Amino acid sequence: MLIKRRNFLQTGSLATAALLMPRFLKAFEQPKMVPPGNKVLVVLQLSGGNDGLNTVIPVRNDIYYRERPRLGITKDKALQLTDEVGLNPALIAFKDLFDEGNLSILNSVGYPEPDRSHFRSMDIWHTASASNEYLSTGWIGKYLDAQCKNCDKPTQAMELDDVLSLALKGEQVKGLAFKDPKKLMNASQSQYFKALAKQHQYEHERPVDYLYKTMSETLSSAEYIYKQSQLHPSAETYPNTDLGRNLKTIASLILSDINTRVYYVSVGSFDTHVAQETIQKRLFTEISDAVKAFTSDLKKNNRFEDVLMMSFSEFGRRVSQNASGGTDHGTANNMFFIGGGLKEKGVLNPLPDLGDLNEGDLKYKIDFKQVYATILNRWLSTDDKTILGKKYDYLKFV
């Protein structure tokens, strides 16, 4: 079967997947048991700039209701956490986790000289850069580079998506992006790709050789990933939503022998310039239902203590509502942490000071890179300073 290179380069899904498949996946062909206490991070990205003030609600703040006369969520509708703090009424599972001591909220998280562009601000969060730095590697990718250097049991990261985020791209090692292990496996069984990989010889270190080699390694690894995801299929009922399906896949992999340390998943868009109440309700309902099933699954299988879920969004929204029933791009925001291994629980720091704004925007109090440093050092047990390029003060939630 004669196959021309240009035909390969024009081929769709598996060729794309091959580019995203790190070379070290070959190591997965020999199953390794996950050691007891193996810590796992699940990153939940709220894409589009979620409005933090209608997520974690300052229910006794007059300024909040004055600036949001139609959009503000009243105290009687909010899910009450404390006398001063309520949750969006759609986040029912988060309220339950809070009451159980398995949820922490960090307020006023951001970075100096904030950028209100979706793409630029997301890049800053993904790369852990300063607002005037432009980097091509992500903070999780740098973690992979550090952990997989000269080691025979590389750790790795997976993203439940069709495209790999910048956050998971390292200089030498990249995470893996896929939506469904079975579809990835089925695609890898194509006779076209098998014949293509068999025909090509890797004689030179040219870019096209790298494409063929990574594709060949994909063919030998996709089936293994699928089989690992089926070792302990979840008996939990998950909602039939994108996030529900993605978290079910993540749970199955966490419960298998695969030694994955970081999972990454996104939901959105939270770009609520208009109809914010309706959009947030829909998205938060999807998140709440999926997280409820996911945490229940982990608890039943005695893995909740070893899993930390972290949510973030590229920025928050402005304090004042706009004329279209929504809010415009802002700056600082809140983050959620969910897990059975939290050392500091509940509302970790004061709510944003709505009387002290920067031209209508919230002022950040916590640099998000402090969160990354804390997770890298205290949860993933690695050298955060080398990965982030600077020493940051640790927080105490883990």
Protein backbone atom coordinates (compact mmCIF):
# COMPACT_ATOMS: atom_id res chain seq x y z
CA MET A 1 0.00 0.00 0.00
CA LEU A 2 1.76 3.14 -1.21
CA ILE A 3 1.03 6.22 0.85
CA LYS A 4 2.28 9.69 0.02
CA ARG A 5 3.43 11.99 2.78
CA ARG A 6 1.23 14.84 1.62
CA ASN A 7 -1.81 12.59 2.10
CA PHE A 8 -0.79 12.00 5.67
CA LEU A 9 -0.28 15.68 6.36
CA GLN A 10 -3.75 16.41 5.02
CA THR A 11 -5.41 13.76 7.15
CA GLY A 12 -7.52 14.88 10.09
CA SER A 13 -8.18 13.63 13.56
CA LEU A 14 -5.47 11.09 14.33
CA ALA A 15 -2.75 13.19 12.73
CA THR A 16 -3.81 16.00 15.06
CA ALA A 17 -3.87 13.65 18.01
CA ALA A 18 -0.42 12.37 17.13
CA LEU A 19 1.01 15.86 17.34
CA LEU A 20 -0.38 16.14 20.84
CA MET A 21 0.86 12.72 21.97
CA PRO A 22 4.05 12.88 24.04
CA ARG A 23 6.78 10.36 23.29
CA PHE A 24 6.86 9.00 26.80
CA LEU A 25 3.41 7.43 26.36
CA LYS A 26 5.36 4.41 25.04
CA ALA A 27 6.28 3.77 28.66
CA PHE A 28 2.60 3.10 29.45
CA GLU A 29 2.75 -0.23 27.63
CA GLN A 30 4.01 -1.82 30.85
CA PRO A 31 1.29 -1.20 33.47
CA LYS A 32 2.44 0.39 36.71
CA MET A 33 0.39 0.35 39.85
CA VAL A 34 -0.55 3.75 41.22
CA PRO A 35 1.22 4.08 44.57
CA PRO A 36 -0.94 4.65 47.68
CA GLY A 37 -1.47 8.32 48.36
CA ASN A 38 -0.67 9.30 44.77
CA LYS A 39 -1.85 12.90 44.54
CA VAL A 40 -3.90 13.99 41.54
CA LEU A 41 -4.78 17.50 40.41
CA VAL A 42 -7.91 18.19 38.35
CA VAL A 43 -7.99 21.68 36.81
CA LEU A 44 -11.43 23.04 35.92
CA GLN A 45 -11.13 26.02 33.58
CA LEU A 46 -14.13 28.37 33.47
CA SER A 47 -13.49 29.79 30.02
CA GLY A 48 -14.69 33.25 29.06
CA GLY A 49 -14.22 35.22 32.26
CA ASN A 50 -16.70 34.09 34.90
CA ASP A 51 -18.36 36.77 37.02
CA GLY A 52 -17.03 36.04 40.49
CA LEU A 53 -19.33 38.47 42.29
CA ASN A 54 -22.42 36.52 41.19
CA THR A 55 -20.63 33.26 42.02
CA VAL A 56 -19.48 34.03 45.57
CA ILE A 57 -21.97 36.65 46.61
CA PRO A 58 -21.41 39.43 49.20
CA VAL A 59 -24.96 39.19 50.50
CA ARG A 60 -24.62 42.01 53.07
CA ASN A 61 -22.78 44.49 50.87
CA ASP A 62 -24.87 47.53 49.93
CA ILE A 63 -22.44 48.57 47.20
CA TYR A 64 -22.96 45.23 45.43
CA TYR A 65 -26.73 45.75 45.25
CA ARG A 66 -26.39 49.42 44.37
CA GLU A 67 -24.12 48.62 41.41
CA ARG A 68 -26.24 45.66 40.33
CA PRO A 69 -29.86 46.70 40.87
CA ARG A 70 -31.20 44.09 38.40
CA LEU A 71 -28.35 41.59 38.35
CA GLY A 72 -27.53 41.27 42.03
CA ILE A 73 -28.53 37.97 43.67
CA THR A 74 -30.47 38.64 46.85
CA LYS A 75 -29.64 37.02 50.17
CA ASP A 76 -32.83 34.97 50.22
CA LYS A 77 -31.97 33.40 46.84
CA ALA A 78 -28.28 32.77 47.50
CA LEU A 79 -27.05 29.54 49.10
CA GLN A 80 -25.93 30.84 52.48
CA LEU A 81 -22.39 29.91 53.54
CA THR A 82 -21.81 32.49 56.29
CA ASP A 83 -23.56 35.64 57.45
CA GLU A 84 -21.73 37.59 54.75
CA VAL A 85 -21.16 35.04 51.99
CA GLY A 86 -23.58 33.21 49.70
CA LEU A 87 -23.18 31.00 46.64
CA ASN A 88 -24.92 31.21 43.30
CA PRO A 89 -28.19 29.27 43.73
CA ALA A 90 -27.24 26.85 40.92
CA LEU A 91 -24.11 25.63 42.74
CA ILE A 92 -25.97 23.24 45.02
CA ALA A 93 -23.24 20.59 45.11
CA PHE A 94 -20.68 23.23 46.08
CA LYS A 95 -22.82 24.24 49.06
CA ASP A 96 -22.94 20.59 50.17
CA LEU A 97 -19.16 20.29 49.80
CA PHE A 98 -18.71 23.47 51.81
CA ASP A 99 -20.91 22.10 54.61
CA GLU A 100 -18.88 18.86 54.61
CA GLY A 101 -15.58 20.74 54.89
CA ASN A 102 -14.45 19.72 51.42
CA LEU A 103 -14.48 23.09 49.67
CA SER A 104 -12.34 26.20 50.00
CA ILE A 105 -12.84 29.61 48.40
CA LEU A 106 -10.00 32.02 47.68
CA ASN A 107 -11.07 35.58 46.85
CA SER A 108 -9.42 38.44 44.95
CA VAL A 109 -7.02 36.31 42.90
CA GLY A 110 -5.30 37.95 39.94
CA TYR A 111 -2.00 39.44 38.85
CA PRO A 112 -0.32 42.87 38.48
CA GLU A 113 -1.13 45.00 35.42
CA PRO A 114 -4.14 42.88 34.41
CA ASP A 115 -5.06 42.37 30.77
CA ARG A 116 -8.74 42.32 29.79
CA SER A 117 -8.26 40.37 26.56
CA HIS A 118 -9.57 36.80 26.80
CA PHE A 119 -6.67 35.37 24.82
CA ARG A 120 -3.88 37.33 26.44
CA SER A 121 -5.13 36.91 30.00
CA MET A 122 -5.64 33.17 29.46
CA ASP A 123 -2.09 32.91 28.13
CA ILE A 124 -0.85 34.64 31.28
CA TRP A 125 -2.69 32.14 33.48
CA HIS A 126 -1.55 29.22 31.32
CA THR A 127 2.13 30.15 31.27
CA ALA A 128 2.36 31.71 34.76
CA SER A 129 4.01 34.73 33.14
CA ALA A 130 4.06 38.38 34.08
CA SER A 131 1.65 40.54 32.11
CA ASN A 132 4.53 41.84 29.95
CA GLU A 133 6.06 38.40 29.28
CA TYR A 134 5.23 36.20 26.30
CA LEU A 135 6.05 32.53 26.89
CA SER A 136 5.50 29.46 24.72
CA THR A 137 5.44 26.86 27.48
CA GLY A 138 2.77 26.33 30.14
CA TRP A 139 3.11 25.87 33.89
CA ILE A 140 1.94 22.24 33.75
CA GLY A 141 4.15 21.64 30.71
CA LYS A 142 7.14 22.92 32.68
CA TYR A 143 6.14 20.58 35.48
CA LEU A 144 6.19 17.70 32.98
CA ASP A 145 9.61 18.77 31.69
CA ALA A 146 10.97 18.80 35.24
CA GLN A 147 9.39 15.52 36.34
CA CYS A 148 10.13 13.54 33.19
CA LYS A 149 13.78 14.48 32.84
CA ASN A 150 15.97 11.36 33.16
CA CYS A 151 13.25 9.30 34.81
CA ASP A 152 11.97 5.88 33.81
CA LYS A 153 8.50 6.40 35.28
CA PRO A 154 7.37 9.70 33.83
CA THR A 155 4.37 11.47 35.22
CA GLN A 156 2.04 13.07 32.70
CA ALA A 157 -1.02 15.21 32.12
CA MET A 158 -4.18 14.66 30.11
CA GLU A 159 -6.71 17.17 28.82
CA LEU A 160 -10.25 16.13 27.96
CA ASP A 161 -10.55 18.20 24.81
CA ASP A 162 -9.79 18.09 21.09
CA VAL A 163 -7.00 20.66 21.35
CA LEU A 164 -4.16 20.82 23.86
CA SER A 165 -4.10 24.00 25.94
CA LEU A 166 -0.94 26.05 26.26
CA ALA A 167 -0.88 25.24 29.98
CA LEU A 168 0.09 21.62 29.19
CA LYS A 169 2.79 22.33 26.62
CA GLY A 170 6.36 21.91 27.83
CA GLU A 171 9.65 22.41 26.04
CA GLN A 172 10.39 18.69 25.85
CA VAL A 173 7.20 17.02 27.06
CA LYS A 174 3.58 17.79 26.33
CA GLY A 175 0.32 16.58 27.77
CA LEU A 176 -2.17 14.54 25.80
CA ALA A 177 -5.49 15.90 24.52
CA PHE A 178 -8.43 13.64 23.64
CA LYS A 179 -12.18 13.63 24.19
CA ASP A 180 -12.87 9.91 24.42
CA PRO A 181 -10.38 7.05 25.04
CA LYS A 182 -12.47 4.63 22.95
CA LYS A 183 -12.63 6.94 19.93
CA LEU A 184 -8.89 7.53 20.17
CA MET A 185 -8.31 3.77 20.30
CA ASN A 186 -10.67 3.09 17.38
CA ALA A 187 -8.95 5.75 15.27
CA SER A 188 -5.57 4.18 16.07
CA GLN A 189 -6.77 0.87 14.60
CA SER A 190 -7.17 2.34 11.13
CA GLN A 191 -5.32 0.21 8.55
CA TYR A 192 -4.33 3.42 6.80
CA PHE A 193 -2.39 4.73 9.75
CA LYS A 194 -0.89 1.34 10.59
CA ALA A 195 0.39 0.92 7.05
CA LEU A 196 1.66 4.47 7.04
CA ALA A 197 3.64 3.99 10.23
CA LYS A 198 5.04 0.65 9.04
CA GLN A 199 6.13 2.05 5.68
CA HIS A 200 8.02 5.07 6.94
CA GLN A 201 11.63 4.78 8.09
CA TYR A 202 13.03 7.29 10.58
CA GLU A 203 16.35 8.13 9.03
CA HIS A 204 16.71 11.80 9.82
CA GLU A 205 15.61 14.24 12.49
CA ARG A 206 13.38 16.19 10.13
CA PRO A 207 9.99 17.58 11.23
CA VAL A 208 8.15 15.05 9.10
CA ASP A 209 10.08 12.21 10.77
CA TYR A 210 8.88 13.48 14.13
CA LEU A 211 5.30 13.44 12.83
CA TYR A 212 5.57 9.83 11.73
CA LYS A 213 7.34 8.71 14.87
CA THR A 214 4.84 10.31 17.24
CA MET A 215 2.03 8.83 15.18
CA SER A 216 3.60 5.38 15.48
CA GLU A 217 3.85 5.75 19.22
CA THR A 218 0.24 6.92 19.32
CA LEU A 219 -0.85 3.71 17.61
CA SER A 220 0.87 1.62 20.26
CA SER A 221 -0.40 3.67 23.20
CA ALA A 222 -4.02 4.54 22.41
CA GLU A 223 -5.27 1.01 23.01
CA TYR A 224 -3.47 0.87 26.34
CA ILE A 225 -5.03 4.15 27.48
CA TYR A 226 -8.46 2.85 26.56
CA LYS A 227 -7.90 -0.44 28.37
CA GLN A 228 -6.75 1.40 31.49
CA SER A 229 -9.88 3.53 31.43
CA GLN A 230 -11.93 0.31 31.41
CA LEU A 231 -10.15 -1.40 34.32
CA HIS A 232 -12.45 0.18 36.88
CA PRO A 233 -15.46 1.50 34.96
CA SER A 234 -17.48 3.89 37.05
CA ALA A 235 -20.74 2.62 38.52
CA GLU A 236 -21.71 6.20 39.37
CA THR A 237 -24.47 7.90 37.38
CA TYR A 238 -23.07 11.01 35.71
CA PRO A 239 -25.12 13.67 33.89
CA ASN A 240 -25.21 13.34 30.12
CA THR A 241 -23.35 16.61 29.52
CA ASP A 242 -19.88 17.35 28.15
CA LEU A 243 -18.50 17.97 31.63
CA GLY A 244 -20.33 14.97 33.05
CA ARG A 245 -18.82 12.66 30.43
CA ASN A 246 -15.37 14.20 30.83
CA LEU A 247 -15.36 13.84 34.62
CA LYS A 248 -16.56 10.25 34.30
CA THR A 249 -13.59 9.51 32.03
CA ILE A 250 -11.24 11.22 34.49
CA ALA A 251 -12.68 9.26 37.41
CA SER A 252 -12.21 5.96 35.54
CA LEU A 253 -8.57 6.82 34.83
CA ILE A 254 -7.94 7.94 38.42
CA LEU A 255 -9.25 4.59 39.62
CA SER A 256 -7.08 2.65 37.13
CA ASP A 257 -3.38 1.81 37.20
CA ILE A 258 -2.41 4.72 34.98
CA ASN A 259 0.00 7.05 36.72
CA THR A 260 -1.49 10.38 35.66
CA ARG A 261 -0.95 13.32 38.00
CA VAL A 262 -2.82 16.17 36.24
CA TYR A 263 -6.16 16.21 34.43
CA TYR A 264 -7.44 19.32 32.68
CA VAL A 265 -11.00 20.11 31.62
CA SER A 266 -12.82 23.26 30.48
CA VAL A 267 -16.39 24.53 30.48
CA GLY A 268 -17.88 27.74 29.11
CA SER A 269 -18.27 30.26 27.69
CA PHE A 270 -18.78 32.55 30.66
CA ASP A 271 -18.42 35.71 28.56
CA THR A 272 -21.65 37.17 29.94
CA HIS A 273 -21.97 40.61 28.38
CA VAL A 274 -25.67 39.83 27.94
CA ALA A 275 -28.18 37.52 29.65
CA GLN A 276 -25.75 36.71 32.44
CA GLU A 277 -28.30 35.23 34.84
CA THR A 278 -29.49 32.67 32.29
CA ILE A 279 -26.00 31.73 31.10
CA GLN A 280 -24.54 31.32 34.59
CA LYS A 281 -27.51 29.27 35.73
CA ARG A 282 -27.11 26.87 32.81
CA LEU A 283 -23.34 26.49 33.15
CA PHE A 284 -23.33 26.30 36.95
CA THR A 285 -26.05 23.65 36.87
CA GLU A 286 -23.89 21.58 34.51
CA ILE A 287 -20.85 22.06 36.75
CA SER A 288 -22.71 21.37 39.98
CA ASP A 289 -24.32 18.15 38.72
CA ALA A 290 -21.06 16.84 37.23
CA VAL A 291 -18.96 17.69 40.29
CA LYS A 292 -21.54 16.05 42.55
CA ALA A 293 -21.24 12.77 40.64
CA PHE A 294 -17.45 13.03 40.42
CA THR A 295 -16.87 13.64 44.13
CA SER A 296 -19.37 10.94 45.07
CA ASP A 297 -17.51 8.51 42.79
CA LEU A 298 -14.16 9.33 44.37
CA LYS A 299 -15.54 9.02 47.91
CA LYS A 300 -17.07 5.60 47.23
CA ASN A 301 -13.75 4.39 45.86
CA ASN A 302 -11.60 5.88 48.66
CA ARG A 303 -9.73 8.30 46.40
CA PHE A 304 -11.27 11.62 47.46
CA GLU A 305 -8.41 12.31 49.88
CA ASP A 306 -5.88 12.11 47.05
CA VAL A 307 -7.65 14.32 44.50
CA LEU A 308 -7.64 18.12 44.45
CA MET A 309 -9.91 19.99 42.03
CA MET A 310 -9.05 23.62 41.31
CA SER A 311 -11.20 26.05 39.33
CA PHE A 312 -10.10 29.30 37.70
CA SER A 313 -11.16 31.78 35.05
CA GLU A 314 -8.94 34.14 33.05
CA PHE A 315 -10.48 37.21 34.73
CA GLY A 316 -13.59 38.34 36.58
CA ARG A 317 -16.12 40.97 35.54
CA ARG A 318 -16.60 44.64 36.38
CA VAL A 319 -18.46 45.48 39.58
CA SER A 320 -21.25 47.43 37.88
CA GLN A 321 -23.79 45.72 35.64
CA ASN A 322 -24.04 46.92 32.04
CA ALA A 323 -27.15 47.93 30.13
CA SER A 324 -27.61 44.49 28.53
CA GLY A 325 -28.27 42.38 31.58
CA GLY A 326 -24.67 41.37 31.94
CA THR A 327 -21.20 42.47 33.01
CA ASP A 328 -18.07 43.43 31.09
CA HIS A 329 -14.47 42.24 31.35
CA GLY A 330 -12.87 42.88 34.73
CA THR A 331 -9.86 41.75 36.71
CA ALA A 332 -9.57 39.80 39.98
CA ASN A 333 -11.71 36.75 40.68
CA ASN A 334 -12.29 33.86 43.07
CA MET A 335 -11.06 30.27 42.88
CA PHE A 336 -12.56 27.06 44.27
CA PHE A 337 -10.62 24.14 45.73
CA ILE A 338 -12.40 20.82 46.26
CA GLY A 339 -11.06 17.68 47.86
CA GLY A 340 -10.83 15.45 50.90
CA GLY A 341 -7.27 16.54 51.66
CA LEU A 342 -7.82 20.27 52.26
CA LYS A 343 -5.93 21.61 55.27
CA GLU A 344 -7.68 24.98 55.30
CA LYS A 345 -11.39 24.98 54.54
CA GLY A 346 -14.22 27.41 53.93
CA VAL A 347 -13.76 31.04 52.92
CA LEU A 348 -9.99 31.51 53.10
CA ASN A 349 -9.72 35.30 52.95
CA PRO A 350 -11.94 38.42 52.97
CA LEU A 351 -14.40 39.15 50.20
CA PRO A 352 -13.36 41.80 47.66
CA ASP A 353 -13.43 45.38 48.94
CA LEU A 354 -16.08 47.01 46.75
CA GLY A 355 -15.29 50.39 48.25
CA ASP A 356 -11.69 50.28 47.03
CA LEU A 357 -11.69 49.77 43.26
CA ASN A 358 -9.33 50.53 40.41
CA GLU A 359 -11.44 52.47 37.91
CA GLY A 360 -14.43 50.26 38.58
CA ASP A 361 -12.50 47.00 38.81
CA LEU A 362 -11.57 44.80 41.75
CA LYS A 363 -8.02 44.95 43.06
CA TYR A 364 -6.21 41.65 43.28
CA LYS A 365 -4.85 40.59 46.68
CA ILE A 366 -3.47 37.14 45.85
CA ASP A 367 -1.19 36.48 42.88
CA PHE A 368 -2.42 33.34 41.10
CA LYS A 369 1.19 32.15 40.89
CA GLN A 370 1.12 31.71 44.67
CA VAL A 371 -1.64 29.16 44.10
CA TYR A 372 0.44 27.36 41.47
CA ALA A 373 3.50 27.37 43.74
CA THR A 374 1.47 25.93 46.60
CA ILE A 375 0.01 23.14 44.46
CA LEU A 376 3.32 22.29 42.81
CA ASN A 377 5.21 22.14 46.09
CA ARG A 378 2.67 20.85 48.60
CA TRP A 379 0.42 18.71 46.43
CA LEU A 380 2.55 17.52 43.52
CA SER A 381 5.78 17.48 45.58
CA THR A 382 8.01 19.20 43.05
CA ASP A 383 10.32 22.20 42.86
CA ASP A 384 7.98 25.11 42.23
CA LYS A 385 10.77 27.70 42.05
CA THR A 386 12.46 25.95 39.12
CA ILE A 387 9.15 25.57 37.28
CA LEU A 388 7.83 29.09 37.92
CA GLY A 389 11.23 30.80 37.76
CA LYS A 390 10.67 32.64 41.02
CA LYS A 391 9.93 31.92 44.66
CA TYR A 392 6.36 32.67 45.78
CA ASP A 393 4.87 32.52 49.27
CA TYR A 394 2.83 29.40 49.85
CA LEU A 395 -0.80 29.42 50.89
CA LYS A 396 -2.20 27.01 53.46
CA PHE A 397 -5.16 25.26 51.81
CA VAL A 398 -3.10 22.08 51.18
